[in-house]
């Protein structure tokens, strides 16, 4: 059973793993979730810069 903090996505126990291509990534030792870029980047919309083209009313 997953730890409560992992289920709530509040805290994970990250461990560095090696992929087949030699790159490294982090995986939680408690629940097995892989760390993704969104967690470090400030969320799902961190790359959004706003509407493009002005689009006045």
PDB file of N, CA and C in Angstrom:
ATOM      1  N   UNK A   1       0.842  -1.184   0.000  1.00  0.00           N
ATOM      2  CA  UNK A   1       0.000   0.000   0.000  1.00  0.00           C
ATOM      3  C   UNK A   1       0.891   1.253   0.000  1.00  0.00           C
ATOM      4  N   UNK A   2       0.512   2.246  -0.822  1.00  0.00           N
ATOM      5  CA  UNK A   2       1.285   3.480  -0.898  1.00  0.00           C
ATOM      6  C   UNK A   2       1.209   4.252   0.414  1.00  0.00           C
ATOM      7  N   UNK A   3       2.265   4.964   0.703  1.00  0.00           N
ATOM      8  CA  UNK A   3       2.276   5.840   1.872  1.00  0.00           C
ATOM      9  C   UNK A   3       1.308   7.001   1.628  1.00  0.00           C
ATOM     10  N   UNK A   4       0.714   7.502   2.687  1.00  0.00           N
ATOM     11  CA  UNK A   4      -0.276   8.572   2.580  1.00  0.00           C
ATOM     12  C   UNK A   4       0.300   9.812   1.900  1.00  0.00           C
ATOM     13  N   UNK A   5       1.521  10.188   2.239  1.00  0.00           N
ATOM     14  CA  UNK A   5       2.113  11.378   1.637  1.00  0.00           C
ATOM     15  C   UNK A   5       2.300  11.213   0.129  1.00  0.00           C
ATOM     16  N   UNK A   6       2.600  10.000  -0.321  1.00  0.00           N
ATOM     17  CA  UNK A   6       2.724   9.738  -1.752  1.00  0.00           C
ATOM     18  C   UNK A   6       1.347   9.819  -2.413  1.00  0.00           C
ATOM     19  N   UNK A   7       0.340   9.236  -1.789  1.00  0.00           N
ATOM     20  CA  UNK A   7      -1.010   9.272  -2.346  1.00  0.00           C
ATOM     21  C   UNK A   7      -1.500  10.692  -2.527  1.00  0.00           C
ATOM     22  N   UNK A   8      -1.184  11.552  -1.567  1.00  0.00           N
ATOM     23  CA  UNK A   8      -1.608  12.947  -1.632  1.00  0.00           C
ATOM     24  C   UNK A   8      -0.663  13.792  -2.486  1.00  0.00           C
ATOM     25  N   UNK A   9       0.389  13.185  -2.994  1.00  0.00           N
ATOM     26  CA  UNK A   9       1.414  13.844  -3.816  1.00  0.00           C
ATOM     27  C   UNK A   9       2.037  15.031  -3.078  1.00  0.00           C
ATOM     28  N   UNK A  10       2.244  14.850  -1.779  1.00  0.00           N
ATOM     29  CA  UNK A  10       2.842  15.886  -0.943  1.00  0.00           C
ATOM     30  C   UNK A  10       4.341  15.656  -0.813  1.00  0.00           C
ATOM     31  N   UNK A  11       4.729  14.417  -0.615  1.00  0.00           N
ATOM     32  CA  UNK A  11       6.130  14.110  -0.399  1.00  0.00           C
ATOM     33  C   UNK A  11       6.440  12.717  -0.922  1.00  0.00           C
ATOM     34  N   UNK A  12       7.556  12.595  -1.595  1.00  0.00           N
ATOM     35  CA  UNK A  12       8.036  11.306  -2.080  1.00  0.00           C
ATOM     36  C   UNK A  12       9.449  11.108  -1.556  1.00  0.00           C
ATOM     37  N   UNK A  13       9.900   9.872  -1.512  1.00  0.00           N
ATOM     38  CA  UNK A  13      11.267   9.553  -1.101  1.00  0.00           C
ATOM     39  C   UNK A  13      12.055   9.233  -2.368  1.00  0.00           C
ATOM     40  N   UNK A  14      12.644  10.284  -2.992  1.00  0.00           N
ATOM     41  CA  UNK A  14      13.301  10.148  -4.288  1.00  0.00           C
ATOM     42  C   UNK A  14      14.637   9.424  -4.179  1.00  0.00           C
ATOM     43  N   UNK A  15      14.896   8.598  -5.194  1.00  0.00           N
ATOM     44  CA  UNK A  15      16.130   7.832  -5.319  1.00  0.00           C
ATOM     45  C   UNK A  15      16.561   7.920  -6.776  1.00  0.00           C
ATOM     46  N   UNK A  16      17.844   8.126  -7.019  1.00  0.00           N
ATOM     47  CA  UNK A  16      18.353   8.240  -8.391  1.00  0.00           C
ATOM     48  C   UNK A  16      18.432   6.855  -9.025  1.00  0.00           C
ATOM     49  N   UNK A  17      17.884   6.734 -10.224  1.00  0.00           N
ATOM     50  CA  UNK A  17      17.916   5.494 -11.010  1.00  0.00           C
ATOM     51  C   UNK A  17      18.624   5.770 -12.333  1.00  0.00           C
ATOM     52  N   UNK A  18      19.116   4.725 -12.972  1.00  0.00           N
ATOM     53  CA  UNK A  18      19.779   4.846 -14.269  1.00  0.00           C
ATOM     54  C   UNK A  18      18.926   4.174 -15.332  1.00  0.00           C
ATOM     55  N   UNK A  19      18.676   4.887 -16.430  1.00  0.00           N
ATOM     56  CA  UNK A  19      17.925   4.342 -17.555  1.00  0.00           C
ATOM     57  C   UNK A  19      18.866   3.521 -18.437  1.00  0.00           C
ATOM     58  N   UNK A  20      18.282   2.763 -19.358  1.00  0.00           N
ATOM     59  CA  UNK A  20      19.081   1.924 -20.254  1.00  0.00           C
ATOM     60  C   UNK A  20      20.029   2.742 -21.121  1.00  0.00           C
ATOM     61  N   UNK A  21      19.628   3.984 -21.447  1.00  0.00           N
ATOM     62  CA  UNK A  21      20.477   4.823 -22.308  1.00  0.00           C
ATOM     63  C   UNK A  21      21.569   5.555 -21.533  1.00  0.00           C
ATOM     64  N   UNK A  22      21.661   5.306 -20.220  1.00  0.00           N
ATOM     65  CA  UNK A  22      22.700   5.910 -19.405  1.00  0.00           C
ATOM     66  C   UNK A  22      22.278   7.179 -18.680  1.00  0.00           C
ATOM     67  N   UNK A  23      21.118   7.717 -19.042  1.00  0.00           N
ATOM     68  CA  UNK A  23      20.647   8.927 -18.357  1.00  0.00           C
ATOM     69  C   UNK A  23      20.151   8.571 -16.957  1.00  0.00           C
ATOM     70  N   UNK A  24      19.994   9.599 -16.141  1.00  0.00           N
ATOM     71  CA  UNK A  24      19.538   9.374 -14.769  1.00  0.00           C
ATOM     72  C   UNK A  24      18.181  10.040 -14.560  1.00  0.00           C
ATOM     73  N   UNK A  25      17.402   9.489 -13.664  1.00  0.00           N
ATOM     74  CA  UNK A  25      16.114  10.052 -13.293  1.00  0.00           C
ATOM     75  C   UNK A  25      15.834   9.673 -11.856  1.00  0.00           C
ATOM     76  N   UNK A  26      14.804  10.285 -11.266  1.00  0.00           N
ATOM     77  CA  UNK A  26      14.466   9.995  -9.878  1.00  0.00           C
ATOM     78  C   UNK A  26      13.178   9.193  -9.813  1.00  0.00           C
ATOM     79  N   UNK A  27      13.144   8.217  -8.897  1.00  0.00           N
ATOM     80  CA  UNK A  27      11.963   7.378  -8.670  1.00  0.00           C
ATOM     81  C   UNK A  27      11.732   7.287  -7.169  1.00  0.00           C
ATOM     82  N   UNK A  28      10.466   7.350  -6.759  1.00  0.00           N
ATOM     83  CA  UNK A  28      10.131   7.263  -5.344  1.00  0.00           C
ATOM     84  C   UNK A  28      10.299   5.820  -4.862  1.00  0.00           C
ATOM     85  N   UNK A  29      11.005   5.658  -3.753  1.00  0.00           N
ATOM     86  CA  UNK A  29      11.219   4.329  -3.189  1.00  0.00           C
ATOM     87  C   UNK A  29       9.953   3.749  -2.564  1.00  0.00           C
ATOM     88  N   UNK A  30       9.020   4.620  -2.139  1.00  0.00           N
ATOM     89  CA  UNK A  30       7.793   4.140  -1.490  1.00  0.00           C
ATOM     90  C   UNK A  30       6.722   3.714  -2.486  1.00  0.00           C
ATOM     91  N   UNK A  31       6.484   4.542  -3.529  1.00  0.00           N
ATOM     92  CA  UNK A  31       5.349   4.261  -4.410  1.00  0.00           C
ATOM     93  C   UNK A  31       5.751   3.912  -5.838  1.00  0.00           C
ATOM     94  N   UNK A  32       7.019   4.158  -6.223  1.00  0.00           N
ATOM     95  CA  UNK A  32       7.488   3.817  -7.555  1.00  0.00           C
ATOM     96  C   UNK A  32       7.244   4.879  -8.612  1.00  0.00           C
ATOM     97  N   UNK A  33       6.707   6.048  -8.226  1.00  0.00           N
ATOM     98  CA  UNK A  33       6.442   7.112  -9.183  1.00  0.00           C
ATOM     99  C   UNK A  33       7.743   7.705  -9.679  1.00  0.00           C
ATOM    100  N   UNK A  34       7.818   7.997 -10.994  1.00  0.00           N
ATOM    101  CA  UNK A  34       8.972   8.673 -11.570  1.00  0.00           C
ATOM    102  C   UNK A  34       8.788  10.171 -11.426  1.00  0.00           C
ATOM    103  N   UNK A  35       9.882  10.882 -11.116  1.00  0.00           N
ATOM    104  CA  UNK A  35       9.855  12.333 -11.035  1.00  0.00           C
ATOM    105  C   UNK A  35       9.748  12.878 -12.456  1.00  0.00           C
ATOM    106  N   UNK A  36       8.824  13.811 -12.659  1.00  0.00           N
ATOM    107  CA  UNK A  36       8.702  14.403 -13.984  1.00  0.00           C
ATOM    108  C   UNK A  36       9.077  15.871 -13.939  1.00  0.00           C
ATOM    109  N   UNK A  37       9.296  16.469 -15.100  1.00  0.00           N
ATOM    110  CA  UNK A  37       9.774  17.850 -15.203  1.00  0.00           C
ATOM    111  C   UNK A  37       8.769  18.842 -14.633  1.00  0.00           C
ATOM    112  N   UNK A  38       7.491  18.549 -14.679  1.00  0.00           N
ATOM    113  CA  UNK A  38       6.476  19.499 -14.217  1.00  0.00           C
ATOM    114  C   UNK A  38       6.639  19.819 -12.745  1.00  0.00           C
ATOM    115  N   UNK A  39       7.074  18.867 -11.930  1.00  0.00           N
ATOM    116  CA  UNK A  39       7.215  19.119 -10.500  1.00  0.00           C
ATOM    117  C   UNK A  39       8.296  20.155 -10.232  1.00  0.00           C
ATOM    118  N   UNK A  40       9.357  20.152 -11.012  1.00  0.00           N
ATOM    119  CA  UNK A  40      10.431  21.123 -10.818  1.00  0.00           C
ATOM    120  C   UNK A  40      10.130  22.439 -11.512  1.00  0.00           C
ATOM    121  N   UNK A  41       9.279  22.409 -12.535  1.00  0.00           N
ATOM    122  CA  UNK A  41       9.026  23.595 -13.342  1.00  0.00           C
ATOM    123  C   UNK A  41       7.894  24.469 -12.854  1.00  0.00           C
ATOM    124  N   UNK A  42       7.236  24.117 -11.783  1.00  0.00           N
ATOM    125  CA  UNK A  42       6.197  24.986 -11.259  1.00  0.00           C
ATOM    126  C   UNK A  42       4.807  24.603 -11.708  1.00  0.00           C
ATOM    127  N   UNK A  43       4.631  23.418 -12.209  1.00  0.00           N
ATOM    128  CA  UNK A  43       3.288  22.977 -12.543  1.00  0.00           C
ATOM    129  C   UNK A  43       3.077  22.766 -14.022  1.00  0.00           C
ATOM    130  N   UNK A  44       1.897  22.304 -14.331  1.00  0.00           N
ATOM    131  CA  UNK A  44       1.526  21.914 -15.681  1.00  0.00           C
ATOM    132  C   UNK A  44       1.600  23.077 -16.664  1.00  0.00           C
ATOM    133  N   UNK A  45       1.324  24.296 -16.219  1.00  0.00           N
ATOM    134  CA  UNK A  45       1.260  25.433 -17.119  1.00  0.00           C
ATOM    135  C   UNK A  45       2.468  26.351 -16.995  1.00  0.00           C
ATOM    136  N   UNK A  46       3.580  25.844 -16.490  1.00  0.00           N
ATOM    137  CA  UNK A  46       4.742  26.696 -16.240  1.00  0.00           C
ATOM    138  C   UNK A  46       5.329  27.275 -17.525  1.00  0.00           C
ATOM    139  N   UNK A  47       5.139  26.621 -18.667  1.00  0.00           N
ATOM    140  CA  UNK A  47       5.681  27.119 -19.921  1.00  0.00           C
ATOM    141  C   UNK A  47       4.734  28.059 -20.649  1.00  0.00           C
ATOM    142  N   UNK A  48       3.544  28.258 -20.137  1.00  0.00           N
ATOM    143  CA  UNK A  48       2.548  29.094 -20.785  1.00  0.00           C
ATOM    144  C   UNK A  48       2.906  30.556 -20.620  1.00  0.00           C
ATOM    145  N   UNK A  49       2.923  31.322 -21.714  1.00  0.00           N
ATOM    146  CA  UNK A  49       3.306  32.725 -21.647  1.00  0.00           C
ATOM    147  C   UNK A  49       2.127  33.657 -21.898  1.00  0.00           C
ATOM    148  N   UNK A  50       0.962  33.128 -22.128  1.00  0.00           N
ATOM    149  CA  UNK A  50      -0.203  33.967 -22.346  1.00  0.00           C
ATOM    150  C   UNK A  50      -0.717  33.849 -23.761  1.00  0.00           C
ATOM    151  N   UNK A  51      -1.810  34.526 -24.063  1.00  0.00           N
ATOM    152  CA  UNK A  51      -2.385  34.448 -25.406  1.00  0.00           C
ATOM    153  C   UNK A  51      -1.465  35.089 -26.428  1.00  0.00           C
ATOM    154  N   UNK A  52      -1.480  34.554 -27.630  1.00  0.00           N
ATOM    155  CA  UNK A  52      -0.617  35.048 -28.703  1.00  0.00           C
ATOM    156  C   UNK A  52      -1.468  35.809 -29.720  1.00  0.00           C
ATOM    157  N   UNK A  53      -0.956  36.905 -30.228  1.00  0.00           N
ATOM    158  CA  UNK A  53      -1.629  37.626 -31.312  1.00  0.00           C
ATOM    159  C   UNK A  53      -2.431  38.841 -30.880  1.00  0.00           C
ATOM    160  N   UNK A  54      -2.418  39.188 -29.616  1.00  0.00           N
ATOM    161  CA  UNK A  54      -3.123  40.395 -29.172  1.00  0.00           C
ATOM    162  C   UNK A  54      -4.601  40.182 -28.998  1.00  0.00           C
ATOM    163  N   UNK A  55      -5.314  39.809 -30.041  1.00  0.00           N
ATOM    164  CA  UNK A  55      -6.737  39.462 -29.973  1.00  0.00           C
ATOM    165  C   UNK A  55      -7.605  40.477 -29.247  1.00  0.00           C
ATOM    166  N   UNK A  56      -7.479  41.736 -29.605  1.00  0.00           N
ATOM    167  CA  UNK A  56      -8.291  42.774 -28.952  1.00  0.00           C
ATOM    168  C   UNK A  56      -9.779  42.511 -29.099  1.00  0.00           C
ATOM    169  N   UNK A  57     -10.551  43.161 -28.290  1.00  0.00           N
ATOM    170  CA  UNK A  57     -12.010  42.933 -28.257  1.00  0.00           C
ATOM    171  C   UNK A  57     -12.688  43.510 -29.424  1.00  0.00           C
TER     172      UNK A  57
END
